[in-house]
Amino acid sequence: MDILTSITILVLAAFVGFEVISKVPNTLHTPLMSGTNAIHGIVLLGGVLVIASAAGALNKVLLFIAIVFGTINIVGGFLVTDRMLGMFKGRKKSAAGSRQSADEEGRA
């Protein structure tokens, strides 16, 4: 495959990916991110397997960089997913807030 075909595929994939992601409703972002993190875990495992059989220093350096970026993406994705899920949890009452409301009930 020549370089022009590769660049064309990359540009078209970026355009299609942007269009697909921009149409996802907000309620589906958390499950979509969790699924994407799982897929990235498989990609990361593939990178580790490929680096074991890589020949040449340049290939190993590029694979190492790809593995590092993949790991950052997975960890960041799980942190963002956890934060988004935390927004749906109810707020816990603090001990001071419970005491204060009990005092107010006692006065009434």
PDB file of N, CA and C in Angstrom:
ATOM      1  N   MET A   1       0.851  -1.162   0.000  1.00  0.00           N
ATOM      2  CA  MET A   1       0.000   0.000   0.000  1.00  0.00           C
ATOM      3  C   MET A   1       0.903   1.234   0.000  1.00  0.00           C
ATOM      4  N   ASP A   2       0.638   2.156  -0.880  1.00  0.00           N
ATOM      5  CA  ASP A   2       1.485   3.343  -0.943  1.00  0.00           C
ATOM      6  C   ASP A   2       1.066   4.366   0.103  1.00  0.00           C
ATOM      7  N   ILE A   3       1.880   5.393   0.256  1.00  0.00           N
ATOM      8  CA  ILE A   3       1.683   6.380   1.321  1.00  0.00           C
ATOM      9  C   ILE A   3       0.419   7.206   1.106  1.00  0.00           C
ATOM     10  N   LEU A   4       0.084   7.505  -0.141  1.00  0.00           N
ATOM     11  CA  LEU A   4      -1.109   8.306  -0.420  1.00  0.00           C
ATOM     12  C   LEU A   4      -2.377   7.558  -0.005  1.00  0.00           C
ATOM     13  N   THR A   5      -2.422   6.268  -0.264  1.00  0.00           N
ATOM     14  CA  THR A   5      -3.576   5.461   0.145  1.00  0.00           C
ATOM     15  C   THR A   5      -3.674   5.401   1.661  1.00  0.00           C
ATOM     16  N   SER A   6      -2.552   5.253   2.329  1.00  0.00           N
ATOM     17  CA  SER A   6      -2.544   5.210   3.795  1.00  0.00           C
ATOM     18  C   SER A   6      -3.028   6.524   4.403  1.00  0.00           C
ATOM     19  N   ILE A   7      -2.574   7.632   3.862  1.00  0.00           N
ATOM     20  CA  ILE A   7      -3.001   8.941   4.362  1.00  0.00           C
ATOM     21  C   ILE A   7      -4.486   9.157   4.092  1.00  0.00           C
ATOM     22  N   THR A   8      -4.963   8.734   2.937  1.00  0.00           N
ATOM     23  CA  THR A   8      -6.382   8.865   2.610  1.00  0.00           C
ATOM     24  C   THR A   8      -7.241   8.059   3.583  1.00  0.00           C
ATOM     25  N   ILE A   9      -6.832   6.852   3.891  1.00  0.00           N
ATOM     26  CA  ILE A   9      -7.570   6.017   4.843  1.00  0.00           C
ATOM     27  C   ILE A   9      -7.567   6.659   6.222  1.00  0.00           C
ATOM     28  N   LEU A  10      -6.429   7.206   6.642  1.00  0.00           N
ATOM     29  CA  LEU A  10      -6.335   7.863   7.941  1.00  0.00           C
ATOM     30  C   LEU A  10      -7.275   9.062   8.026  1.00  0.00           C
ATOM     31  N   VAL A  11      -7.297   9.898   7.007  1.00  0.00           N
ATOM     32  CA  VAL A  11      -8.152  11.084   7.001  1.00  0.00           C
ATOM     33  C   VAL A  11      -9.628  10.679   6.988  1.00  0.00           C
ATOM     34  N   LEU A  12      -9.979   9.712   6.175  1.00  0.00           N
ATOM     35  CA  LEU A  12     -11.375   9.258   6.135  1.00  0.00           C
ATOM     36  C   LEU A  12     -11.789   8.626   7.468  1.00  0.00           C
ATOM     37  N   ALA A  13     -10.917   7.857   8.093  1.00  0.00           N
ATOM     38  CA  ALA A  13     -11.234   7.250   9.388  1.00  0.00           C
ATOM     39  C   ALA A  13     -11.423   8.323  10.460  1.00  0.00           C
ATOM     40  N   ALA A  14     -10.587   9.355  10.434  1.00  0.00           N
ATOM     41  CA  ALA A  14     -10.731  10.444  11.402  1.00  0.00           C
ATOM     42  C   ALA A  14     -12.063  11.169  11.193  1.00  0.00           C
ATOM     43  N   PHE A  15     -12.423  11.430   9.950  1.00  0.00           N
ATOM     44  CA  PHE A  15     -13.687  12.117   9.652  1.00  0.00           C
ATOM     45  C   PHE A  15     -14.887  11.277  10.086  1.00  0.00           C
ATOM     46  N   VAL A  16     -14.899  10.012   9.735  1.00  0.00           N
ATOM     47  CA  VAL A  16     -16.007   9.129  10.110  1.00  0.00           C
ATOM     48  C   VAL A  16     -16.075   8.977  11.627  1.00  0.00           C
ATOM     49  N   GLY A  17     -14.935   8.816  12.290  1.00  0.00           N
ATOM     50  CA  GLY A  17     -14.918   8.706  13.746  1.00  0.00           C
ATOM     51  C   GLY A  17     -15.480   9.945  14.417  1.00  0.00           C
ATOM     52  N   PHE A  18     -15.123  11.113  13.923  1.00  0.00           N
ATOM     53  CA  PHE A  18     -15.648  12.356  14.489  1.00  0.00           C
ATOM     54  C   PHE A  18     -17.157  12.441  14.302  1.00  0.00           C
ATOM     55  N   GLU A  19     -17.633  12.101  13.129  1.00  0.00           N
ATOM     56  CA  GLU A  19     -19.066  12.156  12.861  1.00  0.00           C
ATOM     57  C   GLU A  19     -19.851  11.173  13.726  1.00  0.00           C
ATOM     58  N   VAL A  20     -19.321   9.987  13.912  1.00  0.00           N
ATOM     59  CA  VAL A  20     -20.018   8.981  14.717  1.00  0.00           C
ATOM     60  C   VAL A  20     -20.054   9.399  16.182  1.00  0.00           C
ATOM     61  N   ILE A  21     -18.928   9.833  16.724  1.00  0.00           N
ATOM     62  CA  ILE A  21     -18.860  10.206  18.137  1.00  0.00           C
ATOM     63  C   ILE A  21     -19.694  11.448  18.423  1.00  0.00           C
ATOM     64  N   SER A  22     -19.743  12.396  17.509  1.00  0.00           N
ATOM     65  CA  SER A  22     -20.508  13.619  17.761  1.00  0.00           C
ATOM     66  C   SER A  22     -22.013  13.367  17.791  1.00  0.00           C
ATOM     67  N   LYS A  23     -22.472  12.244  17.255  1.00  0.00           N
ATOM     68  CA  LYS A  23     -23.903  11.913  17.249  1.00  0.00           C
ATOM     69  C   LYS A  23     -24.335  11.101  18.473  1.00  0.00           C
ATOM     70  N   VAL A  24     -23.411  10.738  19.351  1.00  0.00           N
ATOM     71  CA  VAL A  24     -23.739   9.925  20.522  1.00  0.00           C
ATOM     72  C   VAL A  24     -24.373  10.820  21.583  1.00  0.00           C
ATOM     73  N   PRO A  25     -25.560  10.443  22.099  1.00  0.00           N
ATOM     74  CA  PRO A  25     -26.171  11.257  23.161  1.00  0.00           C
ATOM     75  C   PRO A  25     -25.370  11.180  24.458  1.00  0.00           C
ATOM     76  N   ASN A  26     -25.537  12.189  25.304  1.00  0.00           N
ATOM     77  CA  ASN A  26     -24.755  12.276  26.546  1.00  0.00           C
ATOM     78  C   ASN A  26     -24.978  11.073  27.457  1.00  0.00           C
ATOM     79  N   THR A  27     -26.170  10.494  27.459  1.00  0.00           N
ATOM     80  CA  THR A  27     -26.451   9.376  28.359  1.00  0.00           C
ATOM     81  C   THR A  27     -25.687   8.116  27.974  1.00  0.00           C
ATOM     82  N   LEU A  28     -25.176   8.044  26.753  1.00  0.00           N
ATOM     83  CA  LEU A  28     -24.449   6.859  26.311  1.00  0.00           C
ATOM     84  C   LEU A  28     -22.934   7.001  26.391  1.00  0.00           C
ATOM     85  N   HIS A  29     -22.432   8.175  26.779  1.00  0.00           N
ATOM     86  CA  HIS A  29     -20.986   8.372  26.790  1.00  0.00           C
ATOM     87  C   HIS A  29     -20.288   7.457  27.790  1.00  0.00           C
ATOM     88  N   THR A  30     -20.848   7.279  28.990  1.00  0.00           N
ATOM     89  CA  THR A  30     -20.186   6.452  29.998  1.00  0.00           C
ATOM     90  C   THR A  30     -20.086   4.999  29.565  1.00  0.00           C
ATOM     91  N   PRO A  31     -21.188   4.353  29.106  1.00  0.00           N
ATOM     92  CA  PRO A  31     -21.038   2.971  28.634  1.00  0.00           C
ATOM     93  C   PRO A  31     -20.129   2.862  27.415  1.00  0.00           C
ATOM     94  N   LEU A  32     -20.167   3.854  26.549  1.00  0.00           N
ATOM     95  CA  LEU A  32     -19.317   3.837  25.360  1.00  0.00           C
ATOM     96  C   LEU A  32     -17.850   3.932  25.756  1.00  0.00           C
ATOM     97  N   MET A  33     -17.540   4.782  26.734  1.00  0.00           N
ATOM     98  CA  MET A  33     -16.155   4.909  27.178  1.00  0.00           C
ATOM     99  C   MET A  33     -15.679   3.631  27.853  1.00  0.00           C
ATOM    100  N   SER A  34     -16.549   2.972  28.618  1.00  0.00           N
ATOM    101  CA  SER A  34     -16.155   1.722  29.267  1.00  0.00           C
ATOM    102  C   SER A  34     -15.842   0.654  28.221  1.00  0.00           C
ATOM    103  N   GLY A  35     -16.656   0.580  27.187  1.00  0.00           N
ATOM    104  CA  GLY A  35     -16.394  -0.377  26.108  1.00  0.00           C
ATOM    105  C   GLY A  35     -15.115  -0.059  25.366  1.00  0.00           C
ATOM    106  N   THR A  36     -14.874   1.215  25.144  1.00  0.00           N
ATOM    107  CA  THR A  36     -13.645   1.637  24.465  1.00  0.00           C
ATOM    108  C   THR A  36     -12.420   1.304  25.308  1.00  0.00           C
ATOM    109  N   ASN A  37     -12.526   1.468  26.619  1.00  0.00           N
ATOM    110  CA  ASN A  37     -11.401   1.114  27.503  1.00  0.00           C
ATOM    111  C   ASN A  37     -11.108  -0.377  27.428  1.00  0.00           C
ATOM    112  N   ALA A  38     -12.147  -1.193  27.365  1.00  0.00           N
ATOM    113  CA  ALA A  38     -11.934  -2.638  27.260  1.00  0.00           C
ATOM    114  C   ALA A  38     -11.235  -2.989  25.944  1.00  0.00           C
ATOM    115  N   ILE A  39     -11.656  -2.357  24.864  1.00  0.00           N
ATOM    116  CA  ILE A  39     -11.014  -2.602  23.565  1.00  0.00           C
ATOM    117  C   ILE A  39      -9.561  -2.136  23.600  1.00  0.00           C
ATOM    118  N   HIS A  40      -9.300  -0.997  24.239  1.00  0.00           N
ATOM    119  CA  HIS A  40      -7.926  -0.512  24.326  1.00  0.00           C
ATOM    120  C   HIS A  40      -7.049  -1.449  25.151  1.00  0.00           C
ATOM    121  N   GLY A  41      -7.640  -2.122  26.123  1.00  0.00           N
ATOM    122  CA  GLY A  41      -6.884  -3.112  26.883  1.00  0.00           C
ATOM    123  C   GLY A  41      -6.404  -4.244  25.996  1.00  0.00           C
ATOM    124  N   ILE A  42      -7.249  -4.667  25.062  1.00  0.00           N
ATOM    125  CA  ILE A  42      -6.869  -5.712  24.116  1.00  0.00           C
ATOM    126  C   ILE A  42      -5.773  -5.207  23.182  1.00  0.00           C
ATOM    127  N   VAL A  43      -5.902  -3.970  22.733  1.00  0.00           N
ATOM    128  CA  VAL A  43      -4.881  -3.375  21.864  1.00  0.00           C
ATOM    129  C   VAL A  43      -3.554  -3.268  22.609  1.00  0.00           C
ATOM    130  N   LEU A  44      -3.611  -2.888  23.884  1.00  0.00           N
ATOM    131  CA  LEU A  44      -2.391  -2.789  24.676  1.00  0.00           C
ATOM    132  C   LEU A  44      -1.727  -4.149  24.837  1.00  0.00           C
ATOM    133  N   LEU A  45      -2.507  -5.175  25.080  1.00  0.00           N
ATOM    134  CA  LEU A  45      -1.964  -6.530  25.179  1.00  0.00           C
ATOM    135  C   LEU A  45      -1.313  -6.942  23.856  1.00  0.00           C
ATOM    136  N   GLY A  46      -1.937  -6.605  22.738  1.00  0.00           N
ATOM    137  CA  GLY A  46      -1.336  -6.887  21.430  1.00  0.00           C
ATOM    138  C   GLY A  46      -0.016  -6.169  21.245  1.00  0.00           C
ATOM    139  N   GLY A  47       0.068  -4.917  21.720  1.00  0.00           N
ATOM    140  CA  GLY A  47       1.326  -4.173  21.629  1.00  0.00           C
ATOM    141  C   GLY A  47       2.438  -4.819  22.437  1.00  0.00           C
ATOM    142  N   VAL A  48       2.088  -5.332  23.610  1.00  0.00           N
ATOM    143  CA  VAL A  48       3.089  -6.004  24.442  1.00  0.00           C
ATOM    144  C   VAL A  48       3.568  -7.284  23.764  1.00  0.00           C
ATOM    145  N   LEU A  49       2.641  -8.021  23.142  1.00  0.00           N
ATOM    146  CA  LEU A  49       3.034  -9.246  22.438  1.00  0.00           C
ATOM    147  C   LEU A  49       3.900  -8.950  21.221  1.00  0.00           C
ATOM    148  N   VAL A  50       3.593  -7.868  20.520  1.00  0.00           N
ATOM    149  CA  VAL A  50       4.364  -7.525  19.321  1.00  0.00           C
ATOM    150  C   VAL A  50       5.761  -7.029  19.688  1.00  0.00           C
ATOM    151  N   ILE A  51       5.879  -6.279  20.779  1.00  0.00           N
ATOM    152  CA  ILE A  51       7.197  -5.750  21.145  1.00  0.00           C
ATOM    153  C   ILE A  51       8.161  -6.880  21.516  1.00  0.00           C
ATOM    154  N   ALA A  52       7.631  -8.009  21.958  1.00  0.00           N
ATOM    155  CA  ALA A  52       8.494  -9.144  22.309  1.00  0.00           C
ATOM    156  C   ALA A  52       9.215  -9.707  21.083  1.00  0.00           C
ATOM    157  N   SER A  53       8.552  -9.614  19.926  1.00  0.00           N
ATOM    158  CA  SER A  53       9.161 -10.175  18.718  1.00  0.00           C
ATOM    159  C   SER A  53       9.664  -9.097  17.756  1.00  0.00           C
ATOM    160  N   ALA A  54       9.707  -7.845  18.196  1.00  0.00           N
ATOM    161  CA  ALA A  54      10.145  -6.757  17.315  1.00  0.00           C
ATOM    162  C   ALA A  54      11.645  -6.833  17.078  1.00  0.00           C
ATOM    163  N   ALA A  55      12.017  -6.524  15.855  1.00  0.00           N
ATOM    164  CA  ALA A  55      13.432  -6.503  15.489  1.00  0.00           C
ATOM    165  C   ALA A  55      13.841  -5.064  15.223  1.00  0.00           C
ATOM    166  N   GLY A  56      14.938  -4.649  15.787  1.00  0.00           N
ATOM    167  CA  GLY A  56      15.439  -3.301  15.546  1.00  0.00           C
ATOM    168  C   GLY A  56      15.074  -2.352  16.673  1.00  0.00           C
ATOM    169  N   ALA A  57      15.972  -1.421  16.915  1.00  0.00           N
ATOM    170  CA  ALA A  57      15.779  -0.471  18.012  1.00  0.00           C
ATOM    171  C   ALA A  57      14.649   0.501  17.730  1.00  0.00           C
ATOM    172  N   LEU A  58      14.523   0.949  16.484  1.00  0.00           N
ATOM    173  CA  LEU A  58      13.473   1.911  16.141  1.00  0.00           C
ATOM    174  C   LEU A  58      12.082   1.299  16.353  1.00  0.00           C
ATOM    175  N   ASN A  59      11.910   0.057  15.932  1.00  0.00           N
ATOM    176  CA  ASN A  59      10.616  -0.607  16.130  1.00  0.00           C
ATOM    177  C   ASN A  59      10.280  -0.735  17.606  1.00  0.00           C
ATOM    178  N   LYS A  60      11.263  -1.090  18.410  1.00  0.00           N
ATOM    179  CA  LYS A  60      11.012  -1.239  19.851  1.00  0.00           C
ATOM    180  C   LYS A  60      10.699   0.099  20.504  1.00  0.00           C
ATOM    181  N   VAL A  61      11.372   1.154  20.083  1.00  0.00           N
ATOM    182  CA  VAL A  61      11.104   2.483  20.639  1.00  0.00           C
ATOM    183  C   VAL A  61       9.688   2.933  20.267  1.00  0.00           C
ATOM    184  N   LEU A  62       9.315   2.774  19.008  1.00  0.00           N
ATOM    185  CA  LEU A  62       7.970   3.164  18.577  1.00  0.00           C
ATOM    186  C   LEU A  62       6.887   2.343  19.277  1.00  0.00           C
ATOM    187  N   LEU A  63       7.124   1.048  19.431  1.00  0.00           N
ATOM    188  CA  LEU A  63       6.166   0.212  20.142  1.00  0.00           C
ATOM    189  C   LEU A  63       6.075   0.597  21.614  1.00  0.00           C
ATOM    190  N   PHE A  64       7.206   0.927  22.227  1.00  0.00           N
ATOM    191  CA  PHE A  64       7.186   1.351  23.627  1.00  0.00           C
ATOM    192  C   PHE A  64       6.370   2.635  23.783  1.00  0.00           C
ATOM    193  N   ILE A  65       6.567   3.581  22.882  1.00  0.00           N
ATOM    194  CA  ILE A  65       5.807   4.832  22.922  1.00  0.00           C
ATOM    195  C   ILE A  65       4.312   4.546  22.741  1.00  0.00           C
ATOM    196  N   ALA A  66       3.978   3.658  21.818  1.00  0.00           N
ATOM    197  CA  ALA A  66       2.576   3.301  21.603  1.00  0.00           C
ATOM    198  C   ALA A  66       1.980   2.646  22.844  1.00  0.00           C
ATOM    199  N   ILE A  67       2.742   1.794  23.507  1.00  0.00           N
ATOM    200  CA  ILE A  67       2.254   1.136  24.724  1.00  0.00           C
ATOM    201  C   ILE A  67       2.050   2.159  25.840  1.00  0.00           C
ATOM    202  N   VAL A  68       2.969   3.115  25.970  1.00  0.00           N
ATOM    203  CA  VAL A  68       2.831   4.155  26.996  1.00  0.00           C
ATOM    204  C   VAL A  68       1.589   4.998  26.728  1.00  0.00           C
ATOM    205  N   PHE A  69       1.400   5.436  25.487  1.00  0.00           N
ATOM    206  CA  PHE A  69       0.217   6.240  25.158  1.00  0.00           C
ATOM    207  C   PHE A  69      -1.069   5.437  25.344  1.00  0.00           C
ATOM    208  N   GLY A  70      -1.040   4.169  24.986  1.00  0.00           N
ATOM    209  CA  GLY A  70      -2.215   3.321  25.197  1.00  0.00           C
ATOM    210  C   GLY A  70      -2.543   3.174  26.671  1.00  0.00           C
ATOM    211  N   THR A  71      -1.522   3.016  27.500  1.00  0.00           N
ATOM    212  CA  THR A  71      -1.733   2.905  28.947  1.00  0.00           C
ATOM    213  C   THR A  71      -2.302   4.201  29.514  1.00  0.00           C
ATOM    214  N   ILE A  72      -1.767   5.334  29.085  1.00  0.00           N
ATOM    215  CA  ILE A  72      -2.295   6.628  29.530  1.00  0.00           C
ATOM    216  C   ILE A  72      -3.753   6.768  29.122  1.00  0.00           C
ATOM    217  N   ASN A  73      -4.088   6.346  27.921  1.00  0.00           N
ATOM    218  CA  ASN A  73      -5.460   6.437  27.433  1.00  0.00           C
ATOM    219  C   ASN A  73      -6.398   5.557  28.254  1.00  0.00           C
ATOM    220  N   ILE A  74      -5.965   4.356  28.579  1.00  0.00           N
ATOM    221  CA  ILE A  74      -6.809   3.448  29.360  1.00  0.00           C
ATOM    222  C   ILE A  74      -7.031   3.993  30.766  1.00  0.00           C
ATOM    223  N   VAL A  75      -5.964   4.388  31.439  1.00  0.00           N
ATOM    224  CA  VAL A  75      -6.087   4.901  32.808  1.00  0.00           C
ATOM    225  C   VAL A  75      -6.927   6.175  32.827  1.00  0.00           C
ATOM    226  N   GLY A  76      -6.662   7.075  31.909  1.00  0.00           N
ATOM    227  CA  GLY A  76      -7.455   8.302  31.833  1.00  0.00           C
ATOM    228  C   GLY A  76      -8.916   8.027  31.543  1.00  0.00           C
ATOM    229  N   GLY A  77      -9.173   7.071  30.666  1.00  0.00           N
ATOM    230  CA  GLY A  77     -10.560   6.724  30.352  1.00  0.00           C
ATOM    231  C   GLY A  77     -11.293   6.167  31.551  1.00  0.00           C
ATOM    232  N   PHE A  78     -10.626   5.301  32.319  1.00  0.00           N
ATOM    233  CA  PHE A  78     -11.271   4.761  33.512  1.00  0.00           C
ATOM    234  C   PHE A  78     -11.482   5.844  34.569  1.00  0.00           C
ATOM    235  N   LEU A  79     -10.548   6.784  34.703  1.00  0.00           N
ATOM    236  CA  LEU A  79     -10.728   7.871  35.662  1.00  0.00           C
ATOM    237  C   LEU A  79     -11.900   8.765  35.275  1.00  0.00           C
ATOM    238  N   VAL A  80     -12.010   9.085  34.000  1.00  0.00           N
ATOM    239  CA  VAL A  80     -13.122   9.911  33.539  1.00  0.00           C
ATOM    240  C   VAL A  80     -14.448   9.164  33.704  1.00  0.00           C
ATOM    241  N   THR A  81     -14.460   7.864  33.382  1.00  0.00           N
ATOM    242  CA  THR A  81     -15.675   7.069  33.553  1.00  0.00           C
ATOM    243  C   THR A  81     -16.081   7.033  35.017  1.00  0.00           C
ATOM    244  N   ASP A  82     -15.123   6.850  35.921  1.00  0.00           N
ATOM    245  CA  ASP A  82     -15.427   6.824  37.348  1.00  0.00           C
ATOM    246  C   ASP A  82     -15.975   8.164  37.809  1.00  0.00           C
ATOM    247  N   ARG A  83     -15.412   9.232  37.310  1.00  0.00           N
ATOM    248  CA  ARG A  83     -15.902  10.568  37.687  1.00  0.00           C
ATOM    249  C   ARG A  83     -17.317  10.800  37.163  1.00  0.00           C
ATOM    250  N   MET A  84     -17.580  10.350  35.951  1.00  0.00           N
ATOM    251  CA  MET A  84     -18.930  10.515  35.397  1.00  0.00           C
ATOM    252  C   MET A  84     -19.944   9.686  36.180  1.00  0.00           C
ATOM    253  N   LEU A  85     -19.573   8.466  36.554  1.00  0.00           N
ATOM    254  CA  LEU A  85     -20.471   7.639  37.345  1.00  0.00           C
ATOM    255  C   LEU A  85     -20.671   8.231  38.739  1.00  0.00           C
ATOM    256  N   GLY A  86     -19.664   8.896  39.273  1.00  0.00           N
ATOM    257  CA  GLY A  86     -19.782   9.547  40.560  1.00  0.00           C
ATOM    258  C   GLY A  86     -20.789  10.681  40.554  1.00  0.00           C
ATOM    259  N   MET A  87     -21.005  11.302  39.403  1.00  0.00           N
ATOM    260  CA  MET A  87     -21.990  12.372  39.308  1.00  0.00           C
ATOM    261  C   MET A  87     -23.416  11.840  39.462  1.00  0.00           C
ATOM    262  N   PHE A  88     -23.633  10.550  39.202  1.00  0.00           N
ATOM    263  CA  PHE A  88     -24.966   9.975  39.311  1.00  0.00           C
ATOM    264  C   PHE A  88     -25.262   9.455  40.712  1.00  0.00           C
ATOM    265  N   LYS A  89     -24.257   9.363  41.574  1.00  0.00           N
ATOM    266  CA  LYS A  89     -24.464   8.891  42.933  1.00  0.00           C
ATOM    267  C   LYS A  89     -25.077  10.004  43.767  1.00  0.00           C
ATOM    268  N   GLY A  90     -25.872   9.615  44.746  1.00  0.00           N
ATOM    269  CA  GLY A  90     -26.461  10.602  45.639  1.00  0.00           C
ATOM    270  C   GLY A  90     -25.411  11.184  46.557  1.00  0.00           C
ATOM    271  N   ARG A  91     -25.649  12.388  46.999  1.00  0.00           N
ATOM    272  CA  ARG A  91     -24.709  13.024  47.918  1.00  0.00           C
ATOM    273  C   ARG A  91     -24.928  12.482  49.314  1.00  0.00           C
ATOM    274  N   LYS A  92     -23.844  12.168  49.988  1.00  0.00           N
ATOM    275  CA  LYS A  92     -23.914  11.651  51.347  1.00  0.00           C
ATOM    276  C   LYS A  92     -23.999  12.821  52.314  1.00  0.00           C
ATOM    277  N   LYS A  93     -24.804  12.641  53.359  1.00  0.00           N
ATOM    278  CA  LYS A  93     -24.899  13.670  54.383  1.00  0.00           C
ATOM    279  C   LYS A  93     -23.711  13.531  55.321  1.00  0.00           C
ATOM    280  N   SER A  94     -23.152  14.646  55.688  1.00  0.00           N
ATOM    281  CA  SER A  94     -22.032  14.609  56.620  1.00  0.00           C
ATOM    282  C   SER A  94     -22.561  14.438  58.039  1.00  0.00           C
ATOM    283  N   ALA A  95     -21.707  14.048  58.938  1.00  0.00           N
ATOM    284  CA  ALA A  95     -22.106  13.846  60.335  1.00  0.00           C
ATOM    285  C   ALA A  95     -22.557  15.164  60.950  1.00  0.00           C
ATOM    286  N   ALA A  96     -21.887  16.260  60.625  1.00  0.00           N
ATOM    287  CA  ALA A  96     -22.274  17.564  61.160  1.00  0.00           C
ATOM    288  C   ALA A  96     -23.640  17.978  60.628  1.00  0.00           C
ATOM    289  N   GLY A  97     -23.896  17.677  59.383  1.00  0.00           N
ATOM    290  CA  GLY A  97     -25.191  18.011  58.788  1.00  0.00           C
ATOM    291  C   GLY A  97     -26.307  17.220  59.425  1.00  0.00           C
ATOM    292  N   SER A  98     -26.060  15.976  59.802  1.00  0.00           N
ATOM    293  CA  SER A  98     -27.065  15.147  60.457  1.00  0.00           C
ATOM    294  C   SER A  98     -27.354  15.667  61.854  1.00  0.00           C
ATOM    295  N   ARG A  99     -26.305  16.064  62.567  1.00  0.00           N
ATOM    296  CA  ARG A  99     -26.496  16.594  63.912  1.00  0.00           C
ATOM    297  C   ARG A  99     -27.273  17.897  63.873  1.00  0.00           C
ATOM    298  N   GLN A 100     -26.959  18.741  62.901  1.00  0.00           N
ATOM    299  CA  GLN A 100     -27.618  20.030  62.798  1.00  0.00           C
ATOM    300  C   GLN A 100     -29.104  19.848  62.512  1.00  0.00           C
ATOM    301  N   SER A 101     -29.463  18.934  61.581  1.00  0.00           N
ATOM    302  CA  SER A 101     -30.870  18.716  61.269  1.00  0.00           C
ATOM    303  C   SER A 101     -31.591  18.078  62.451  1.00  0.00           C
ATOM    304  N   ALA A 102     -30.908  17.246  63.264  1.00  0.00           N
ATOM    305  CA  ALA A 102     -31.527  16.651  64.449  1.00  0.00           C
ATOM    306  C   ALA A 102     -31.786  17.720  65.496  1.00  0.00           C
ATOM    307  N   ASP A 103     -30.855  18.680  65.643  1.00  0.00           N
ATOM    308  CA  ASP A 103     -31.069  19.780  66.579  1.00  0.00           C
ATOM    309  C   ASP A 103     -32.243  20.636  66.167  1.00  0.00           C
ATOM    310  N   GLU A 104     -32.368  20.885  64.855  1.00  0.00           N
ATOM    311  CA  GLU A 104     -33.482  21.697  64.364  1.00  0.00           C
ATOM    312  C   GLU A 104     -34.799  20.987  64.577  1.00  0.00           C
ATOM    313  N   GLU A 105     -34.832  19.665  64.424  1.00  0.00           N
ATOM    314  CA  GLU A 105     -36.059  18.909  64.658  1.00  0.00           C
ATOM    315  C   GLU A 105     -36.420  18.927  66.126  1.00  0.00           C
ATOM    316  N   GLY A 106     -35.439  18.894  67.023  1.00  0.00           N
ATOM    317  CA  GLY A 106     -35.676  18.906  68.459  1.00  0.00           C
ATOM    318  C   GLY A 106     -36.268  20.227  68.928  1.00  0.00           C
ATOM    319  N   ARG A 107     -35.890  21.323  68.260  1.00  0.00           N
ATOM    320  CA  ARG A 107     -36.394  22.633  68.628  1.00  0.00           C
ATOM    321  C   ARG A 107     -37.836  22.838  68.185  1.00  0.00           C
ATOM    322  N   ALA A 108     -38.202  22.174  67.104  1.00  0.00           N
ATOM    323  CA  ALA A 108     -39.541  22.410  66.551  1.00  0.00           C
ATOM    324  C   ALA A 108     -40.641  21.767  67.330  1.00  0.00           C
TER     325      ALA A 108
END
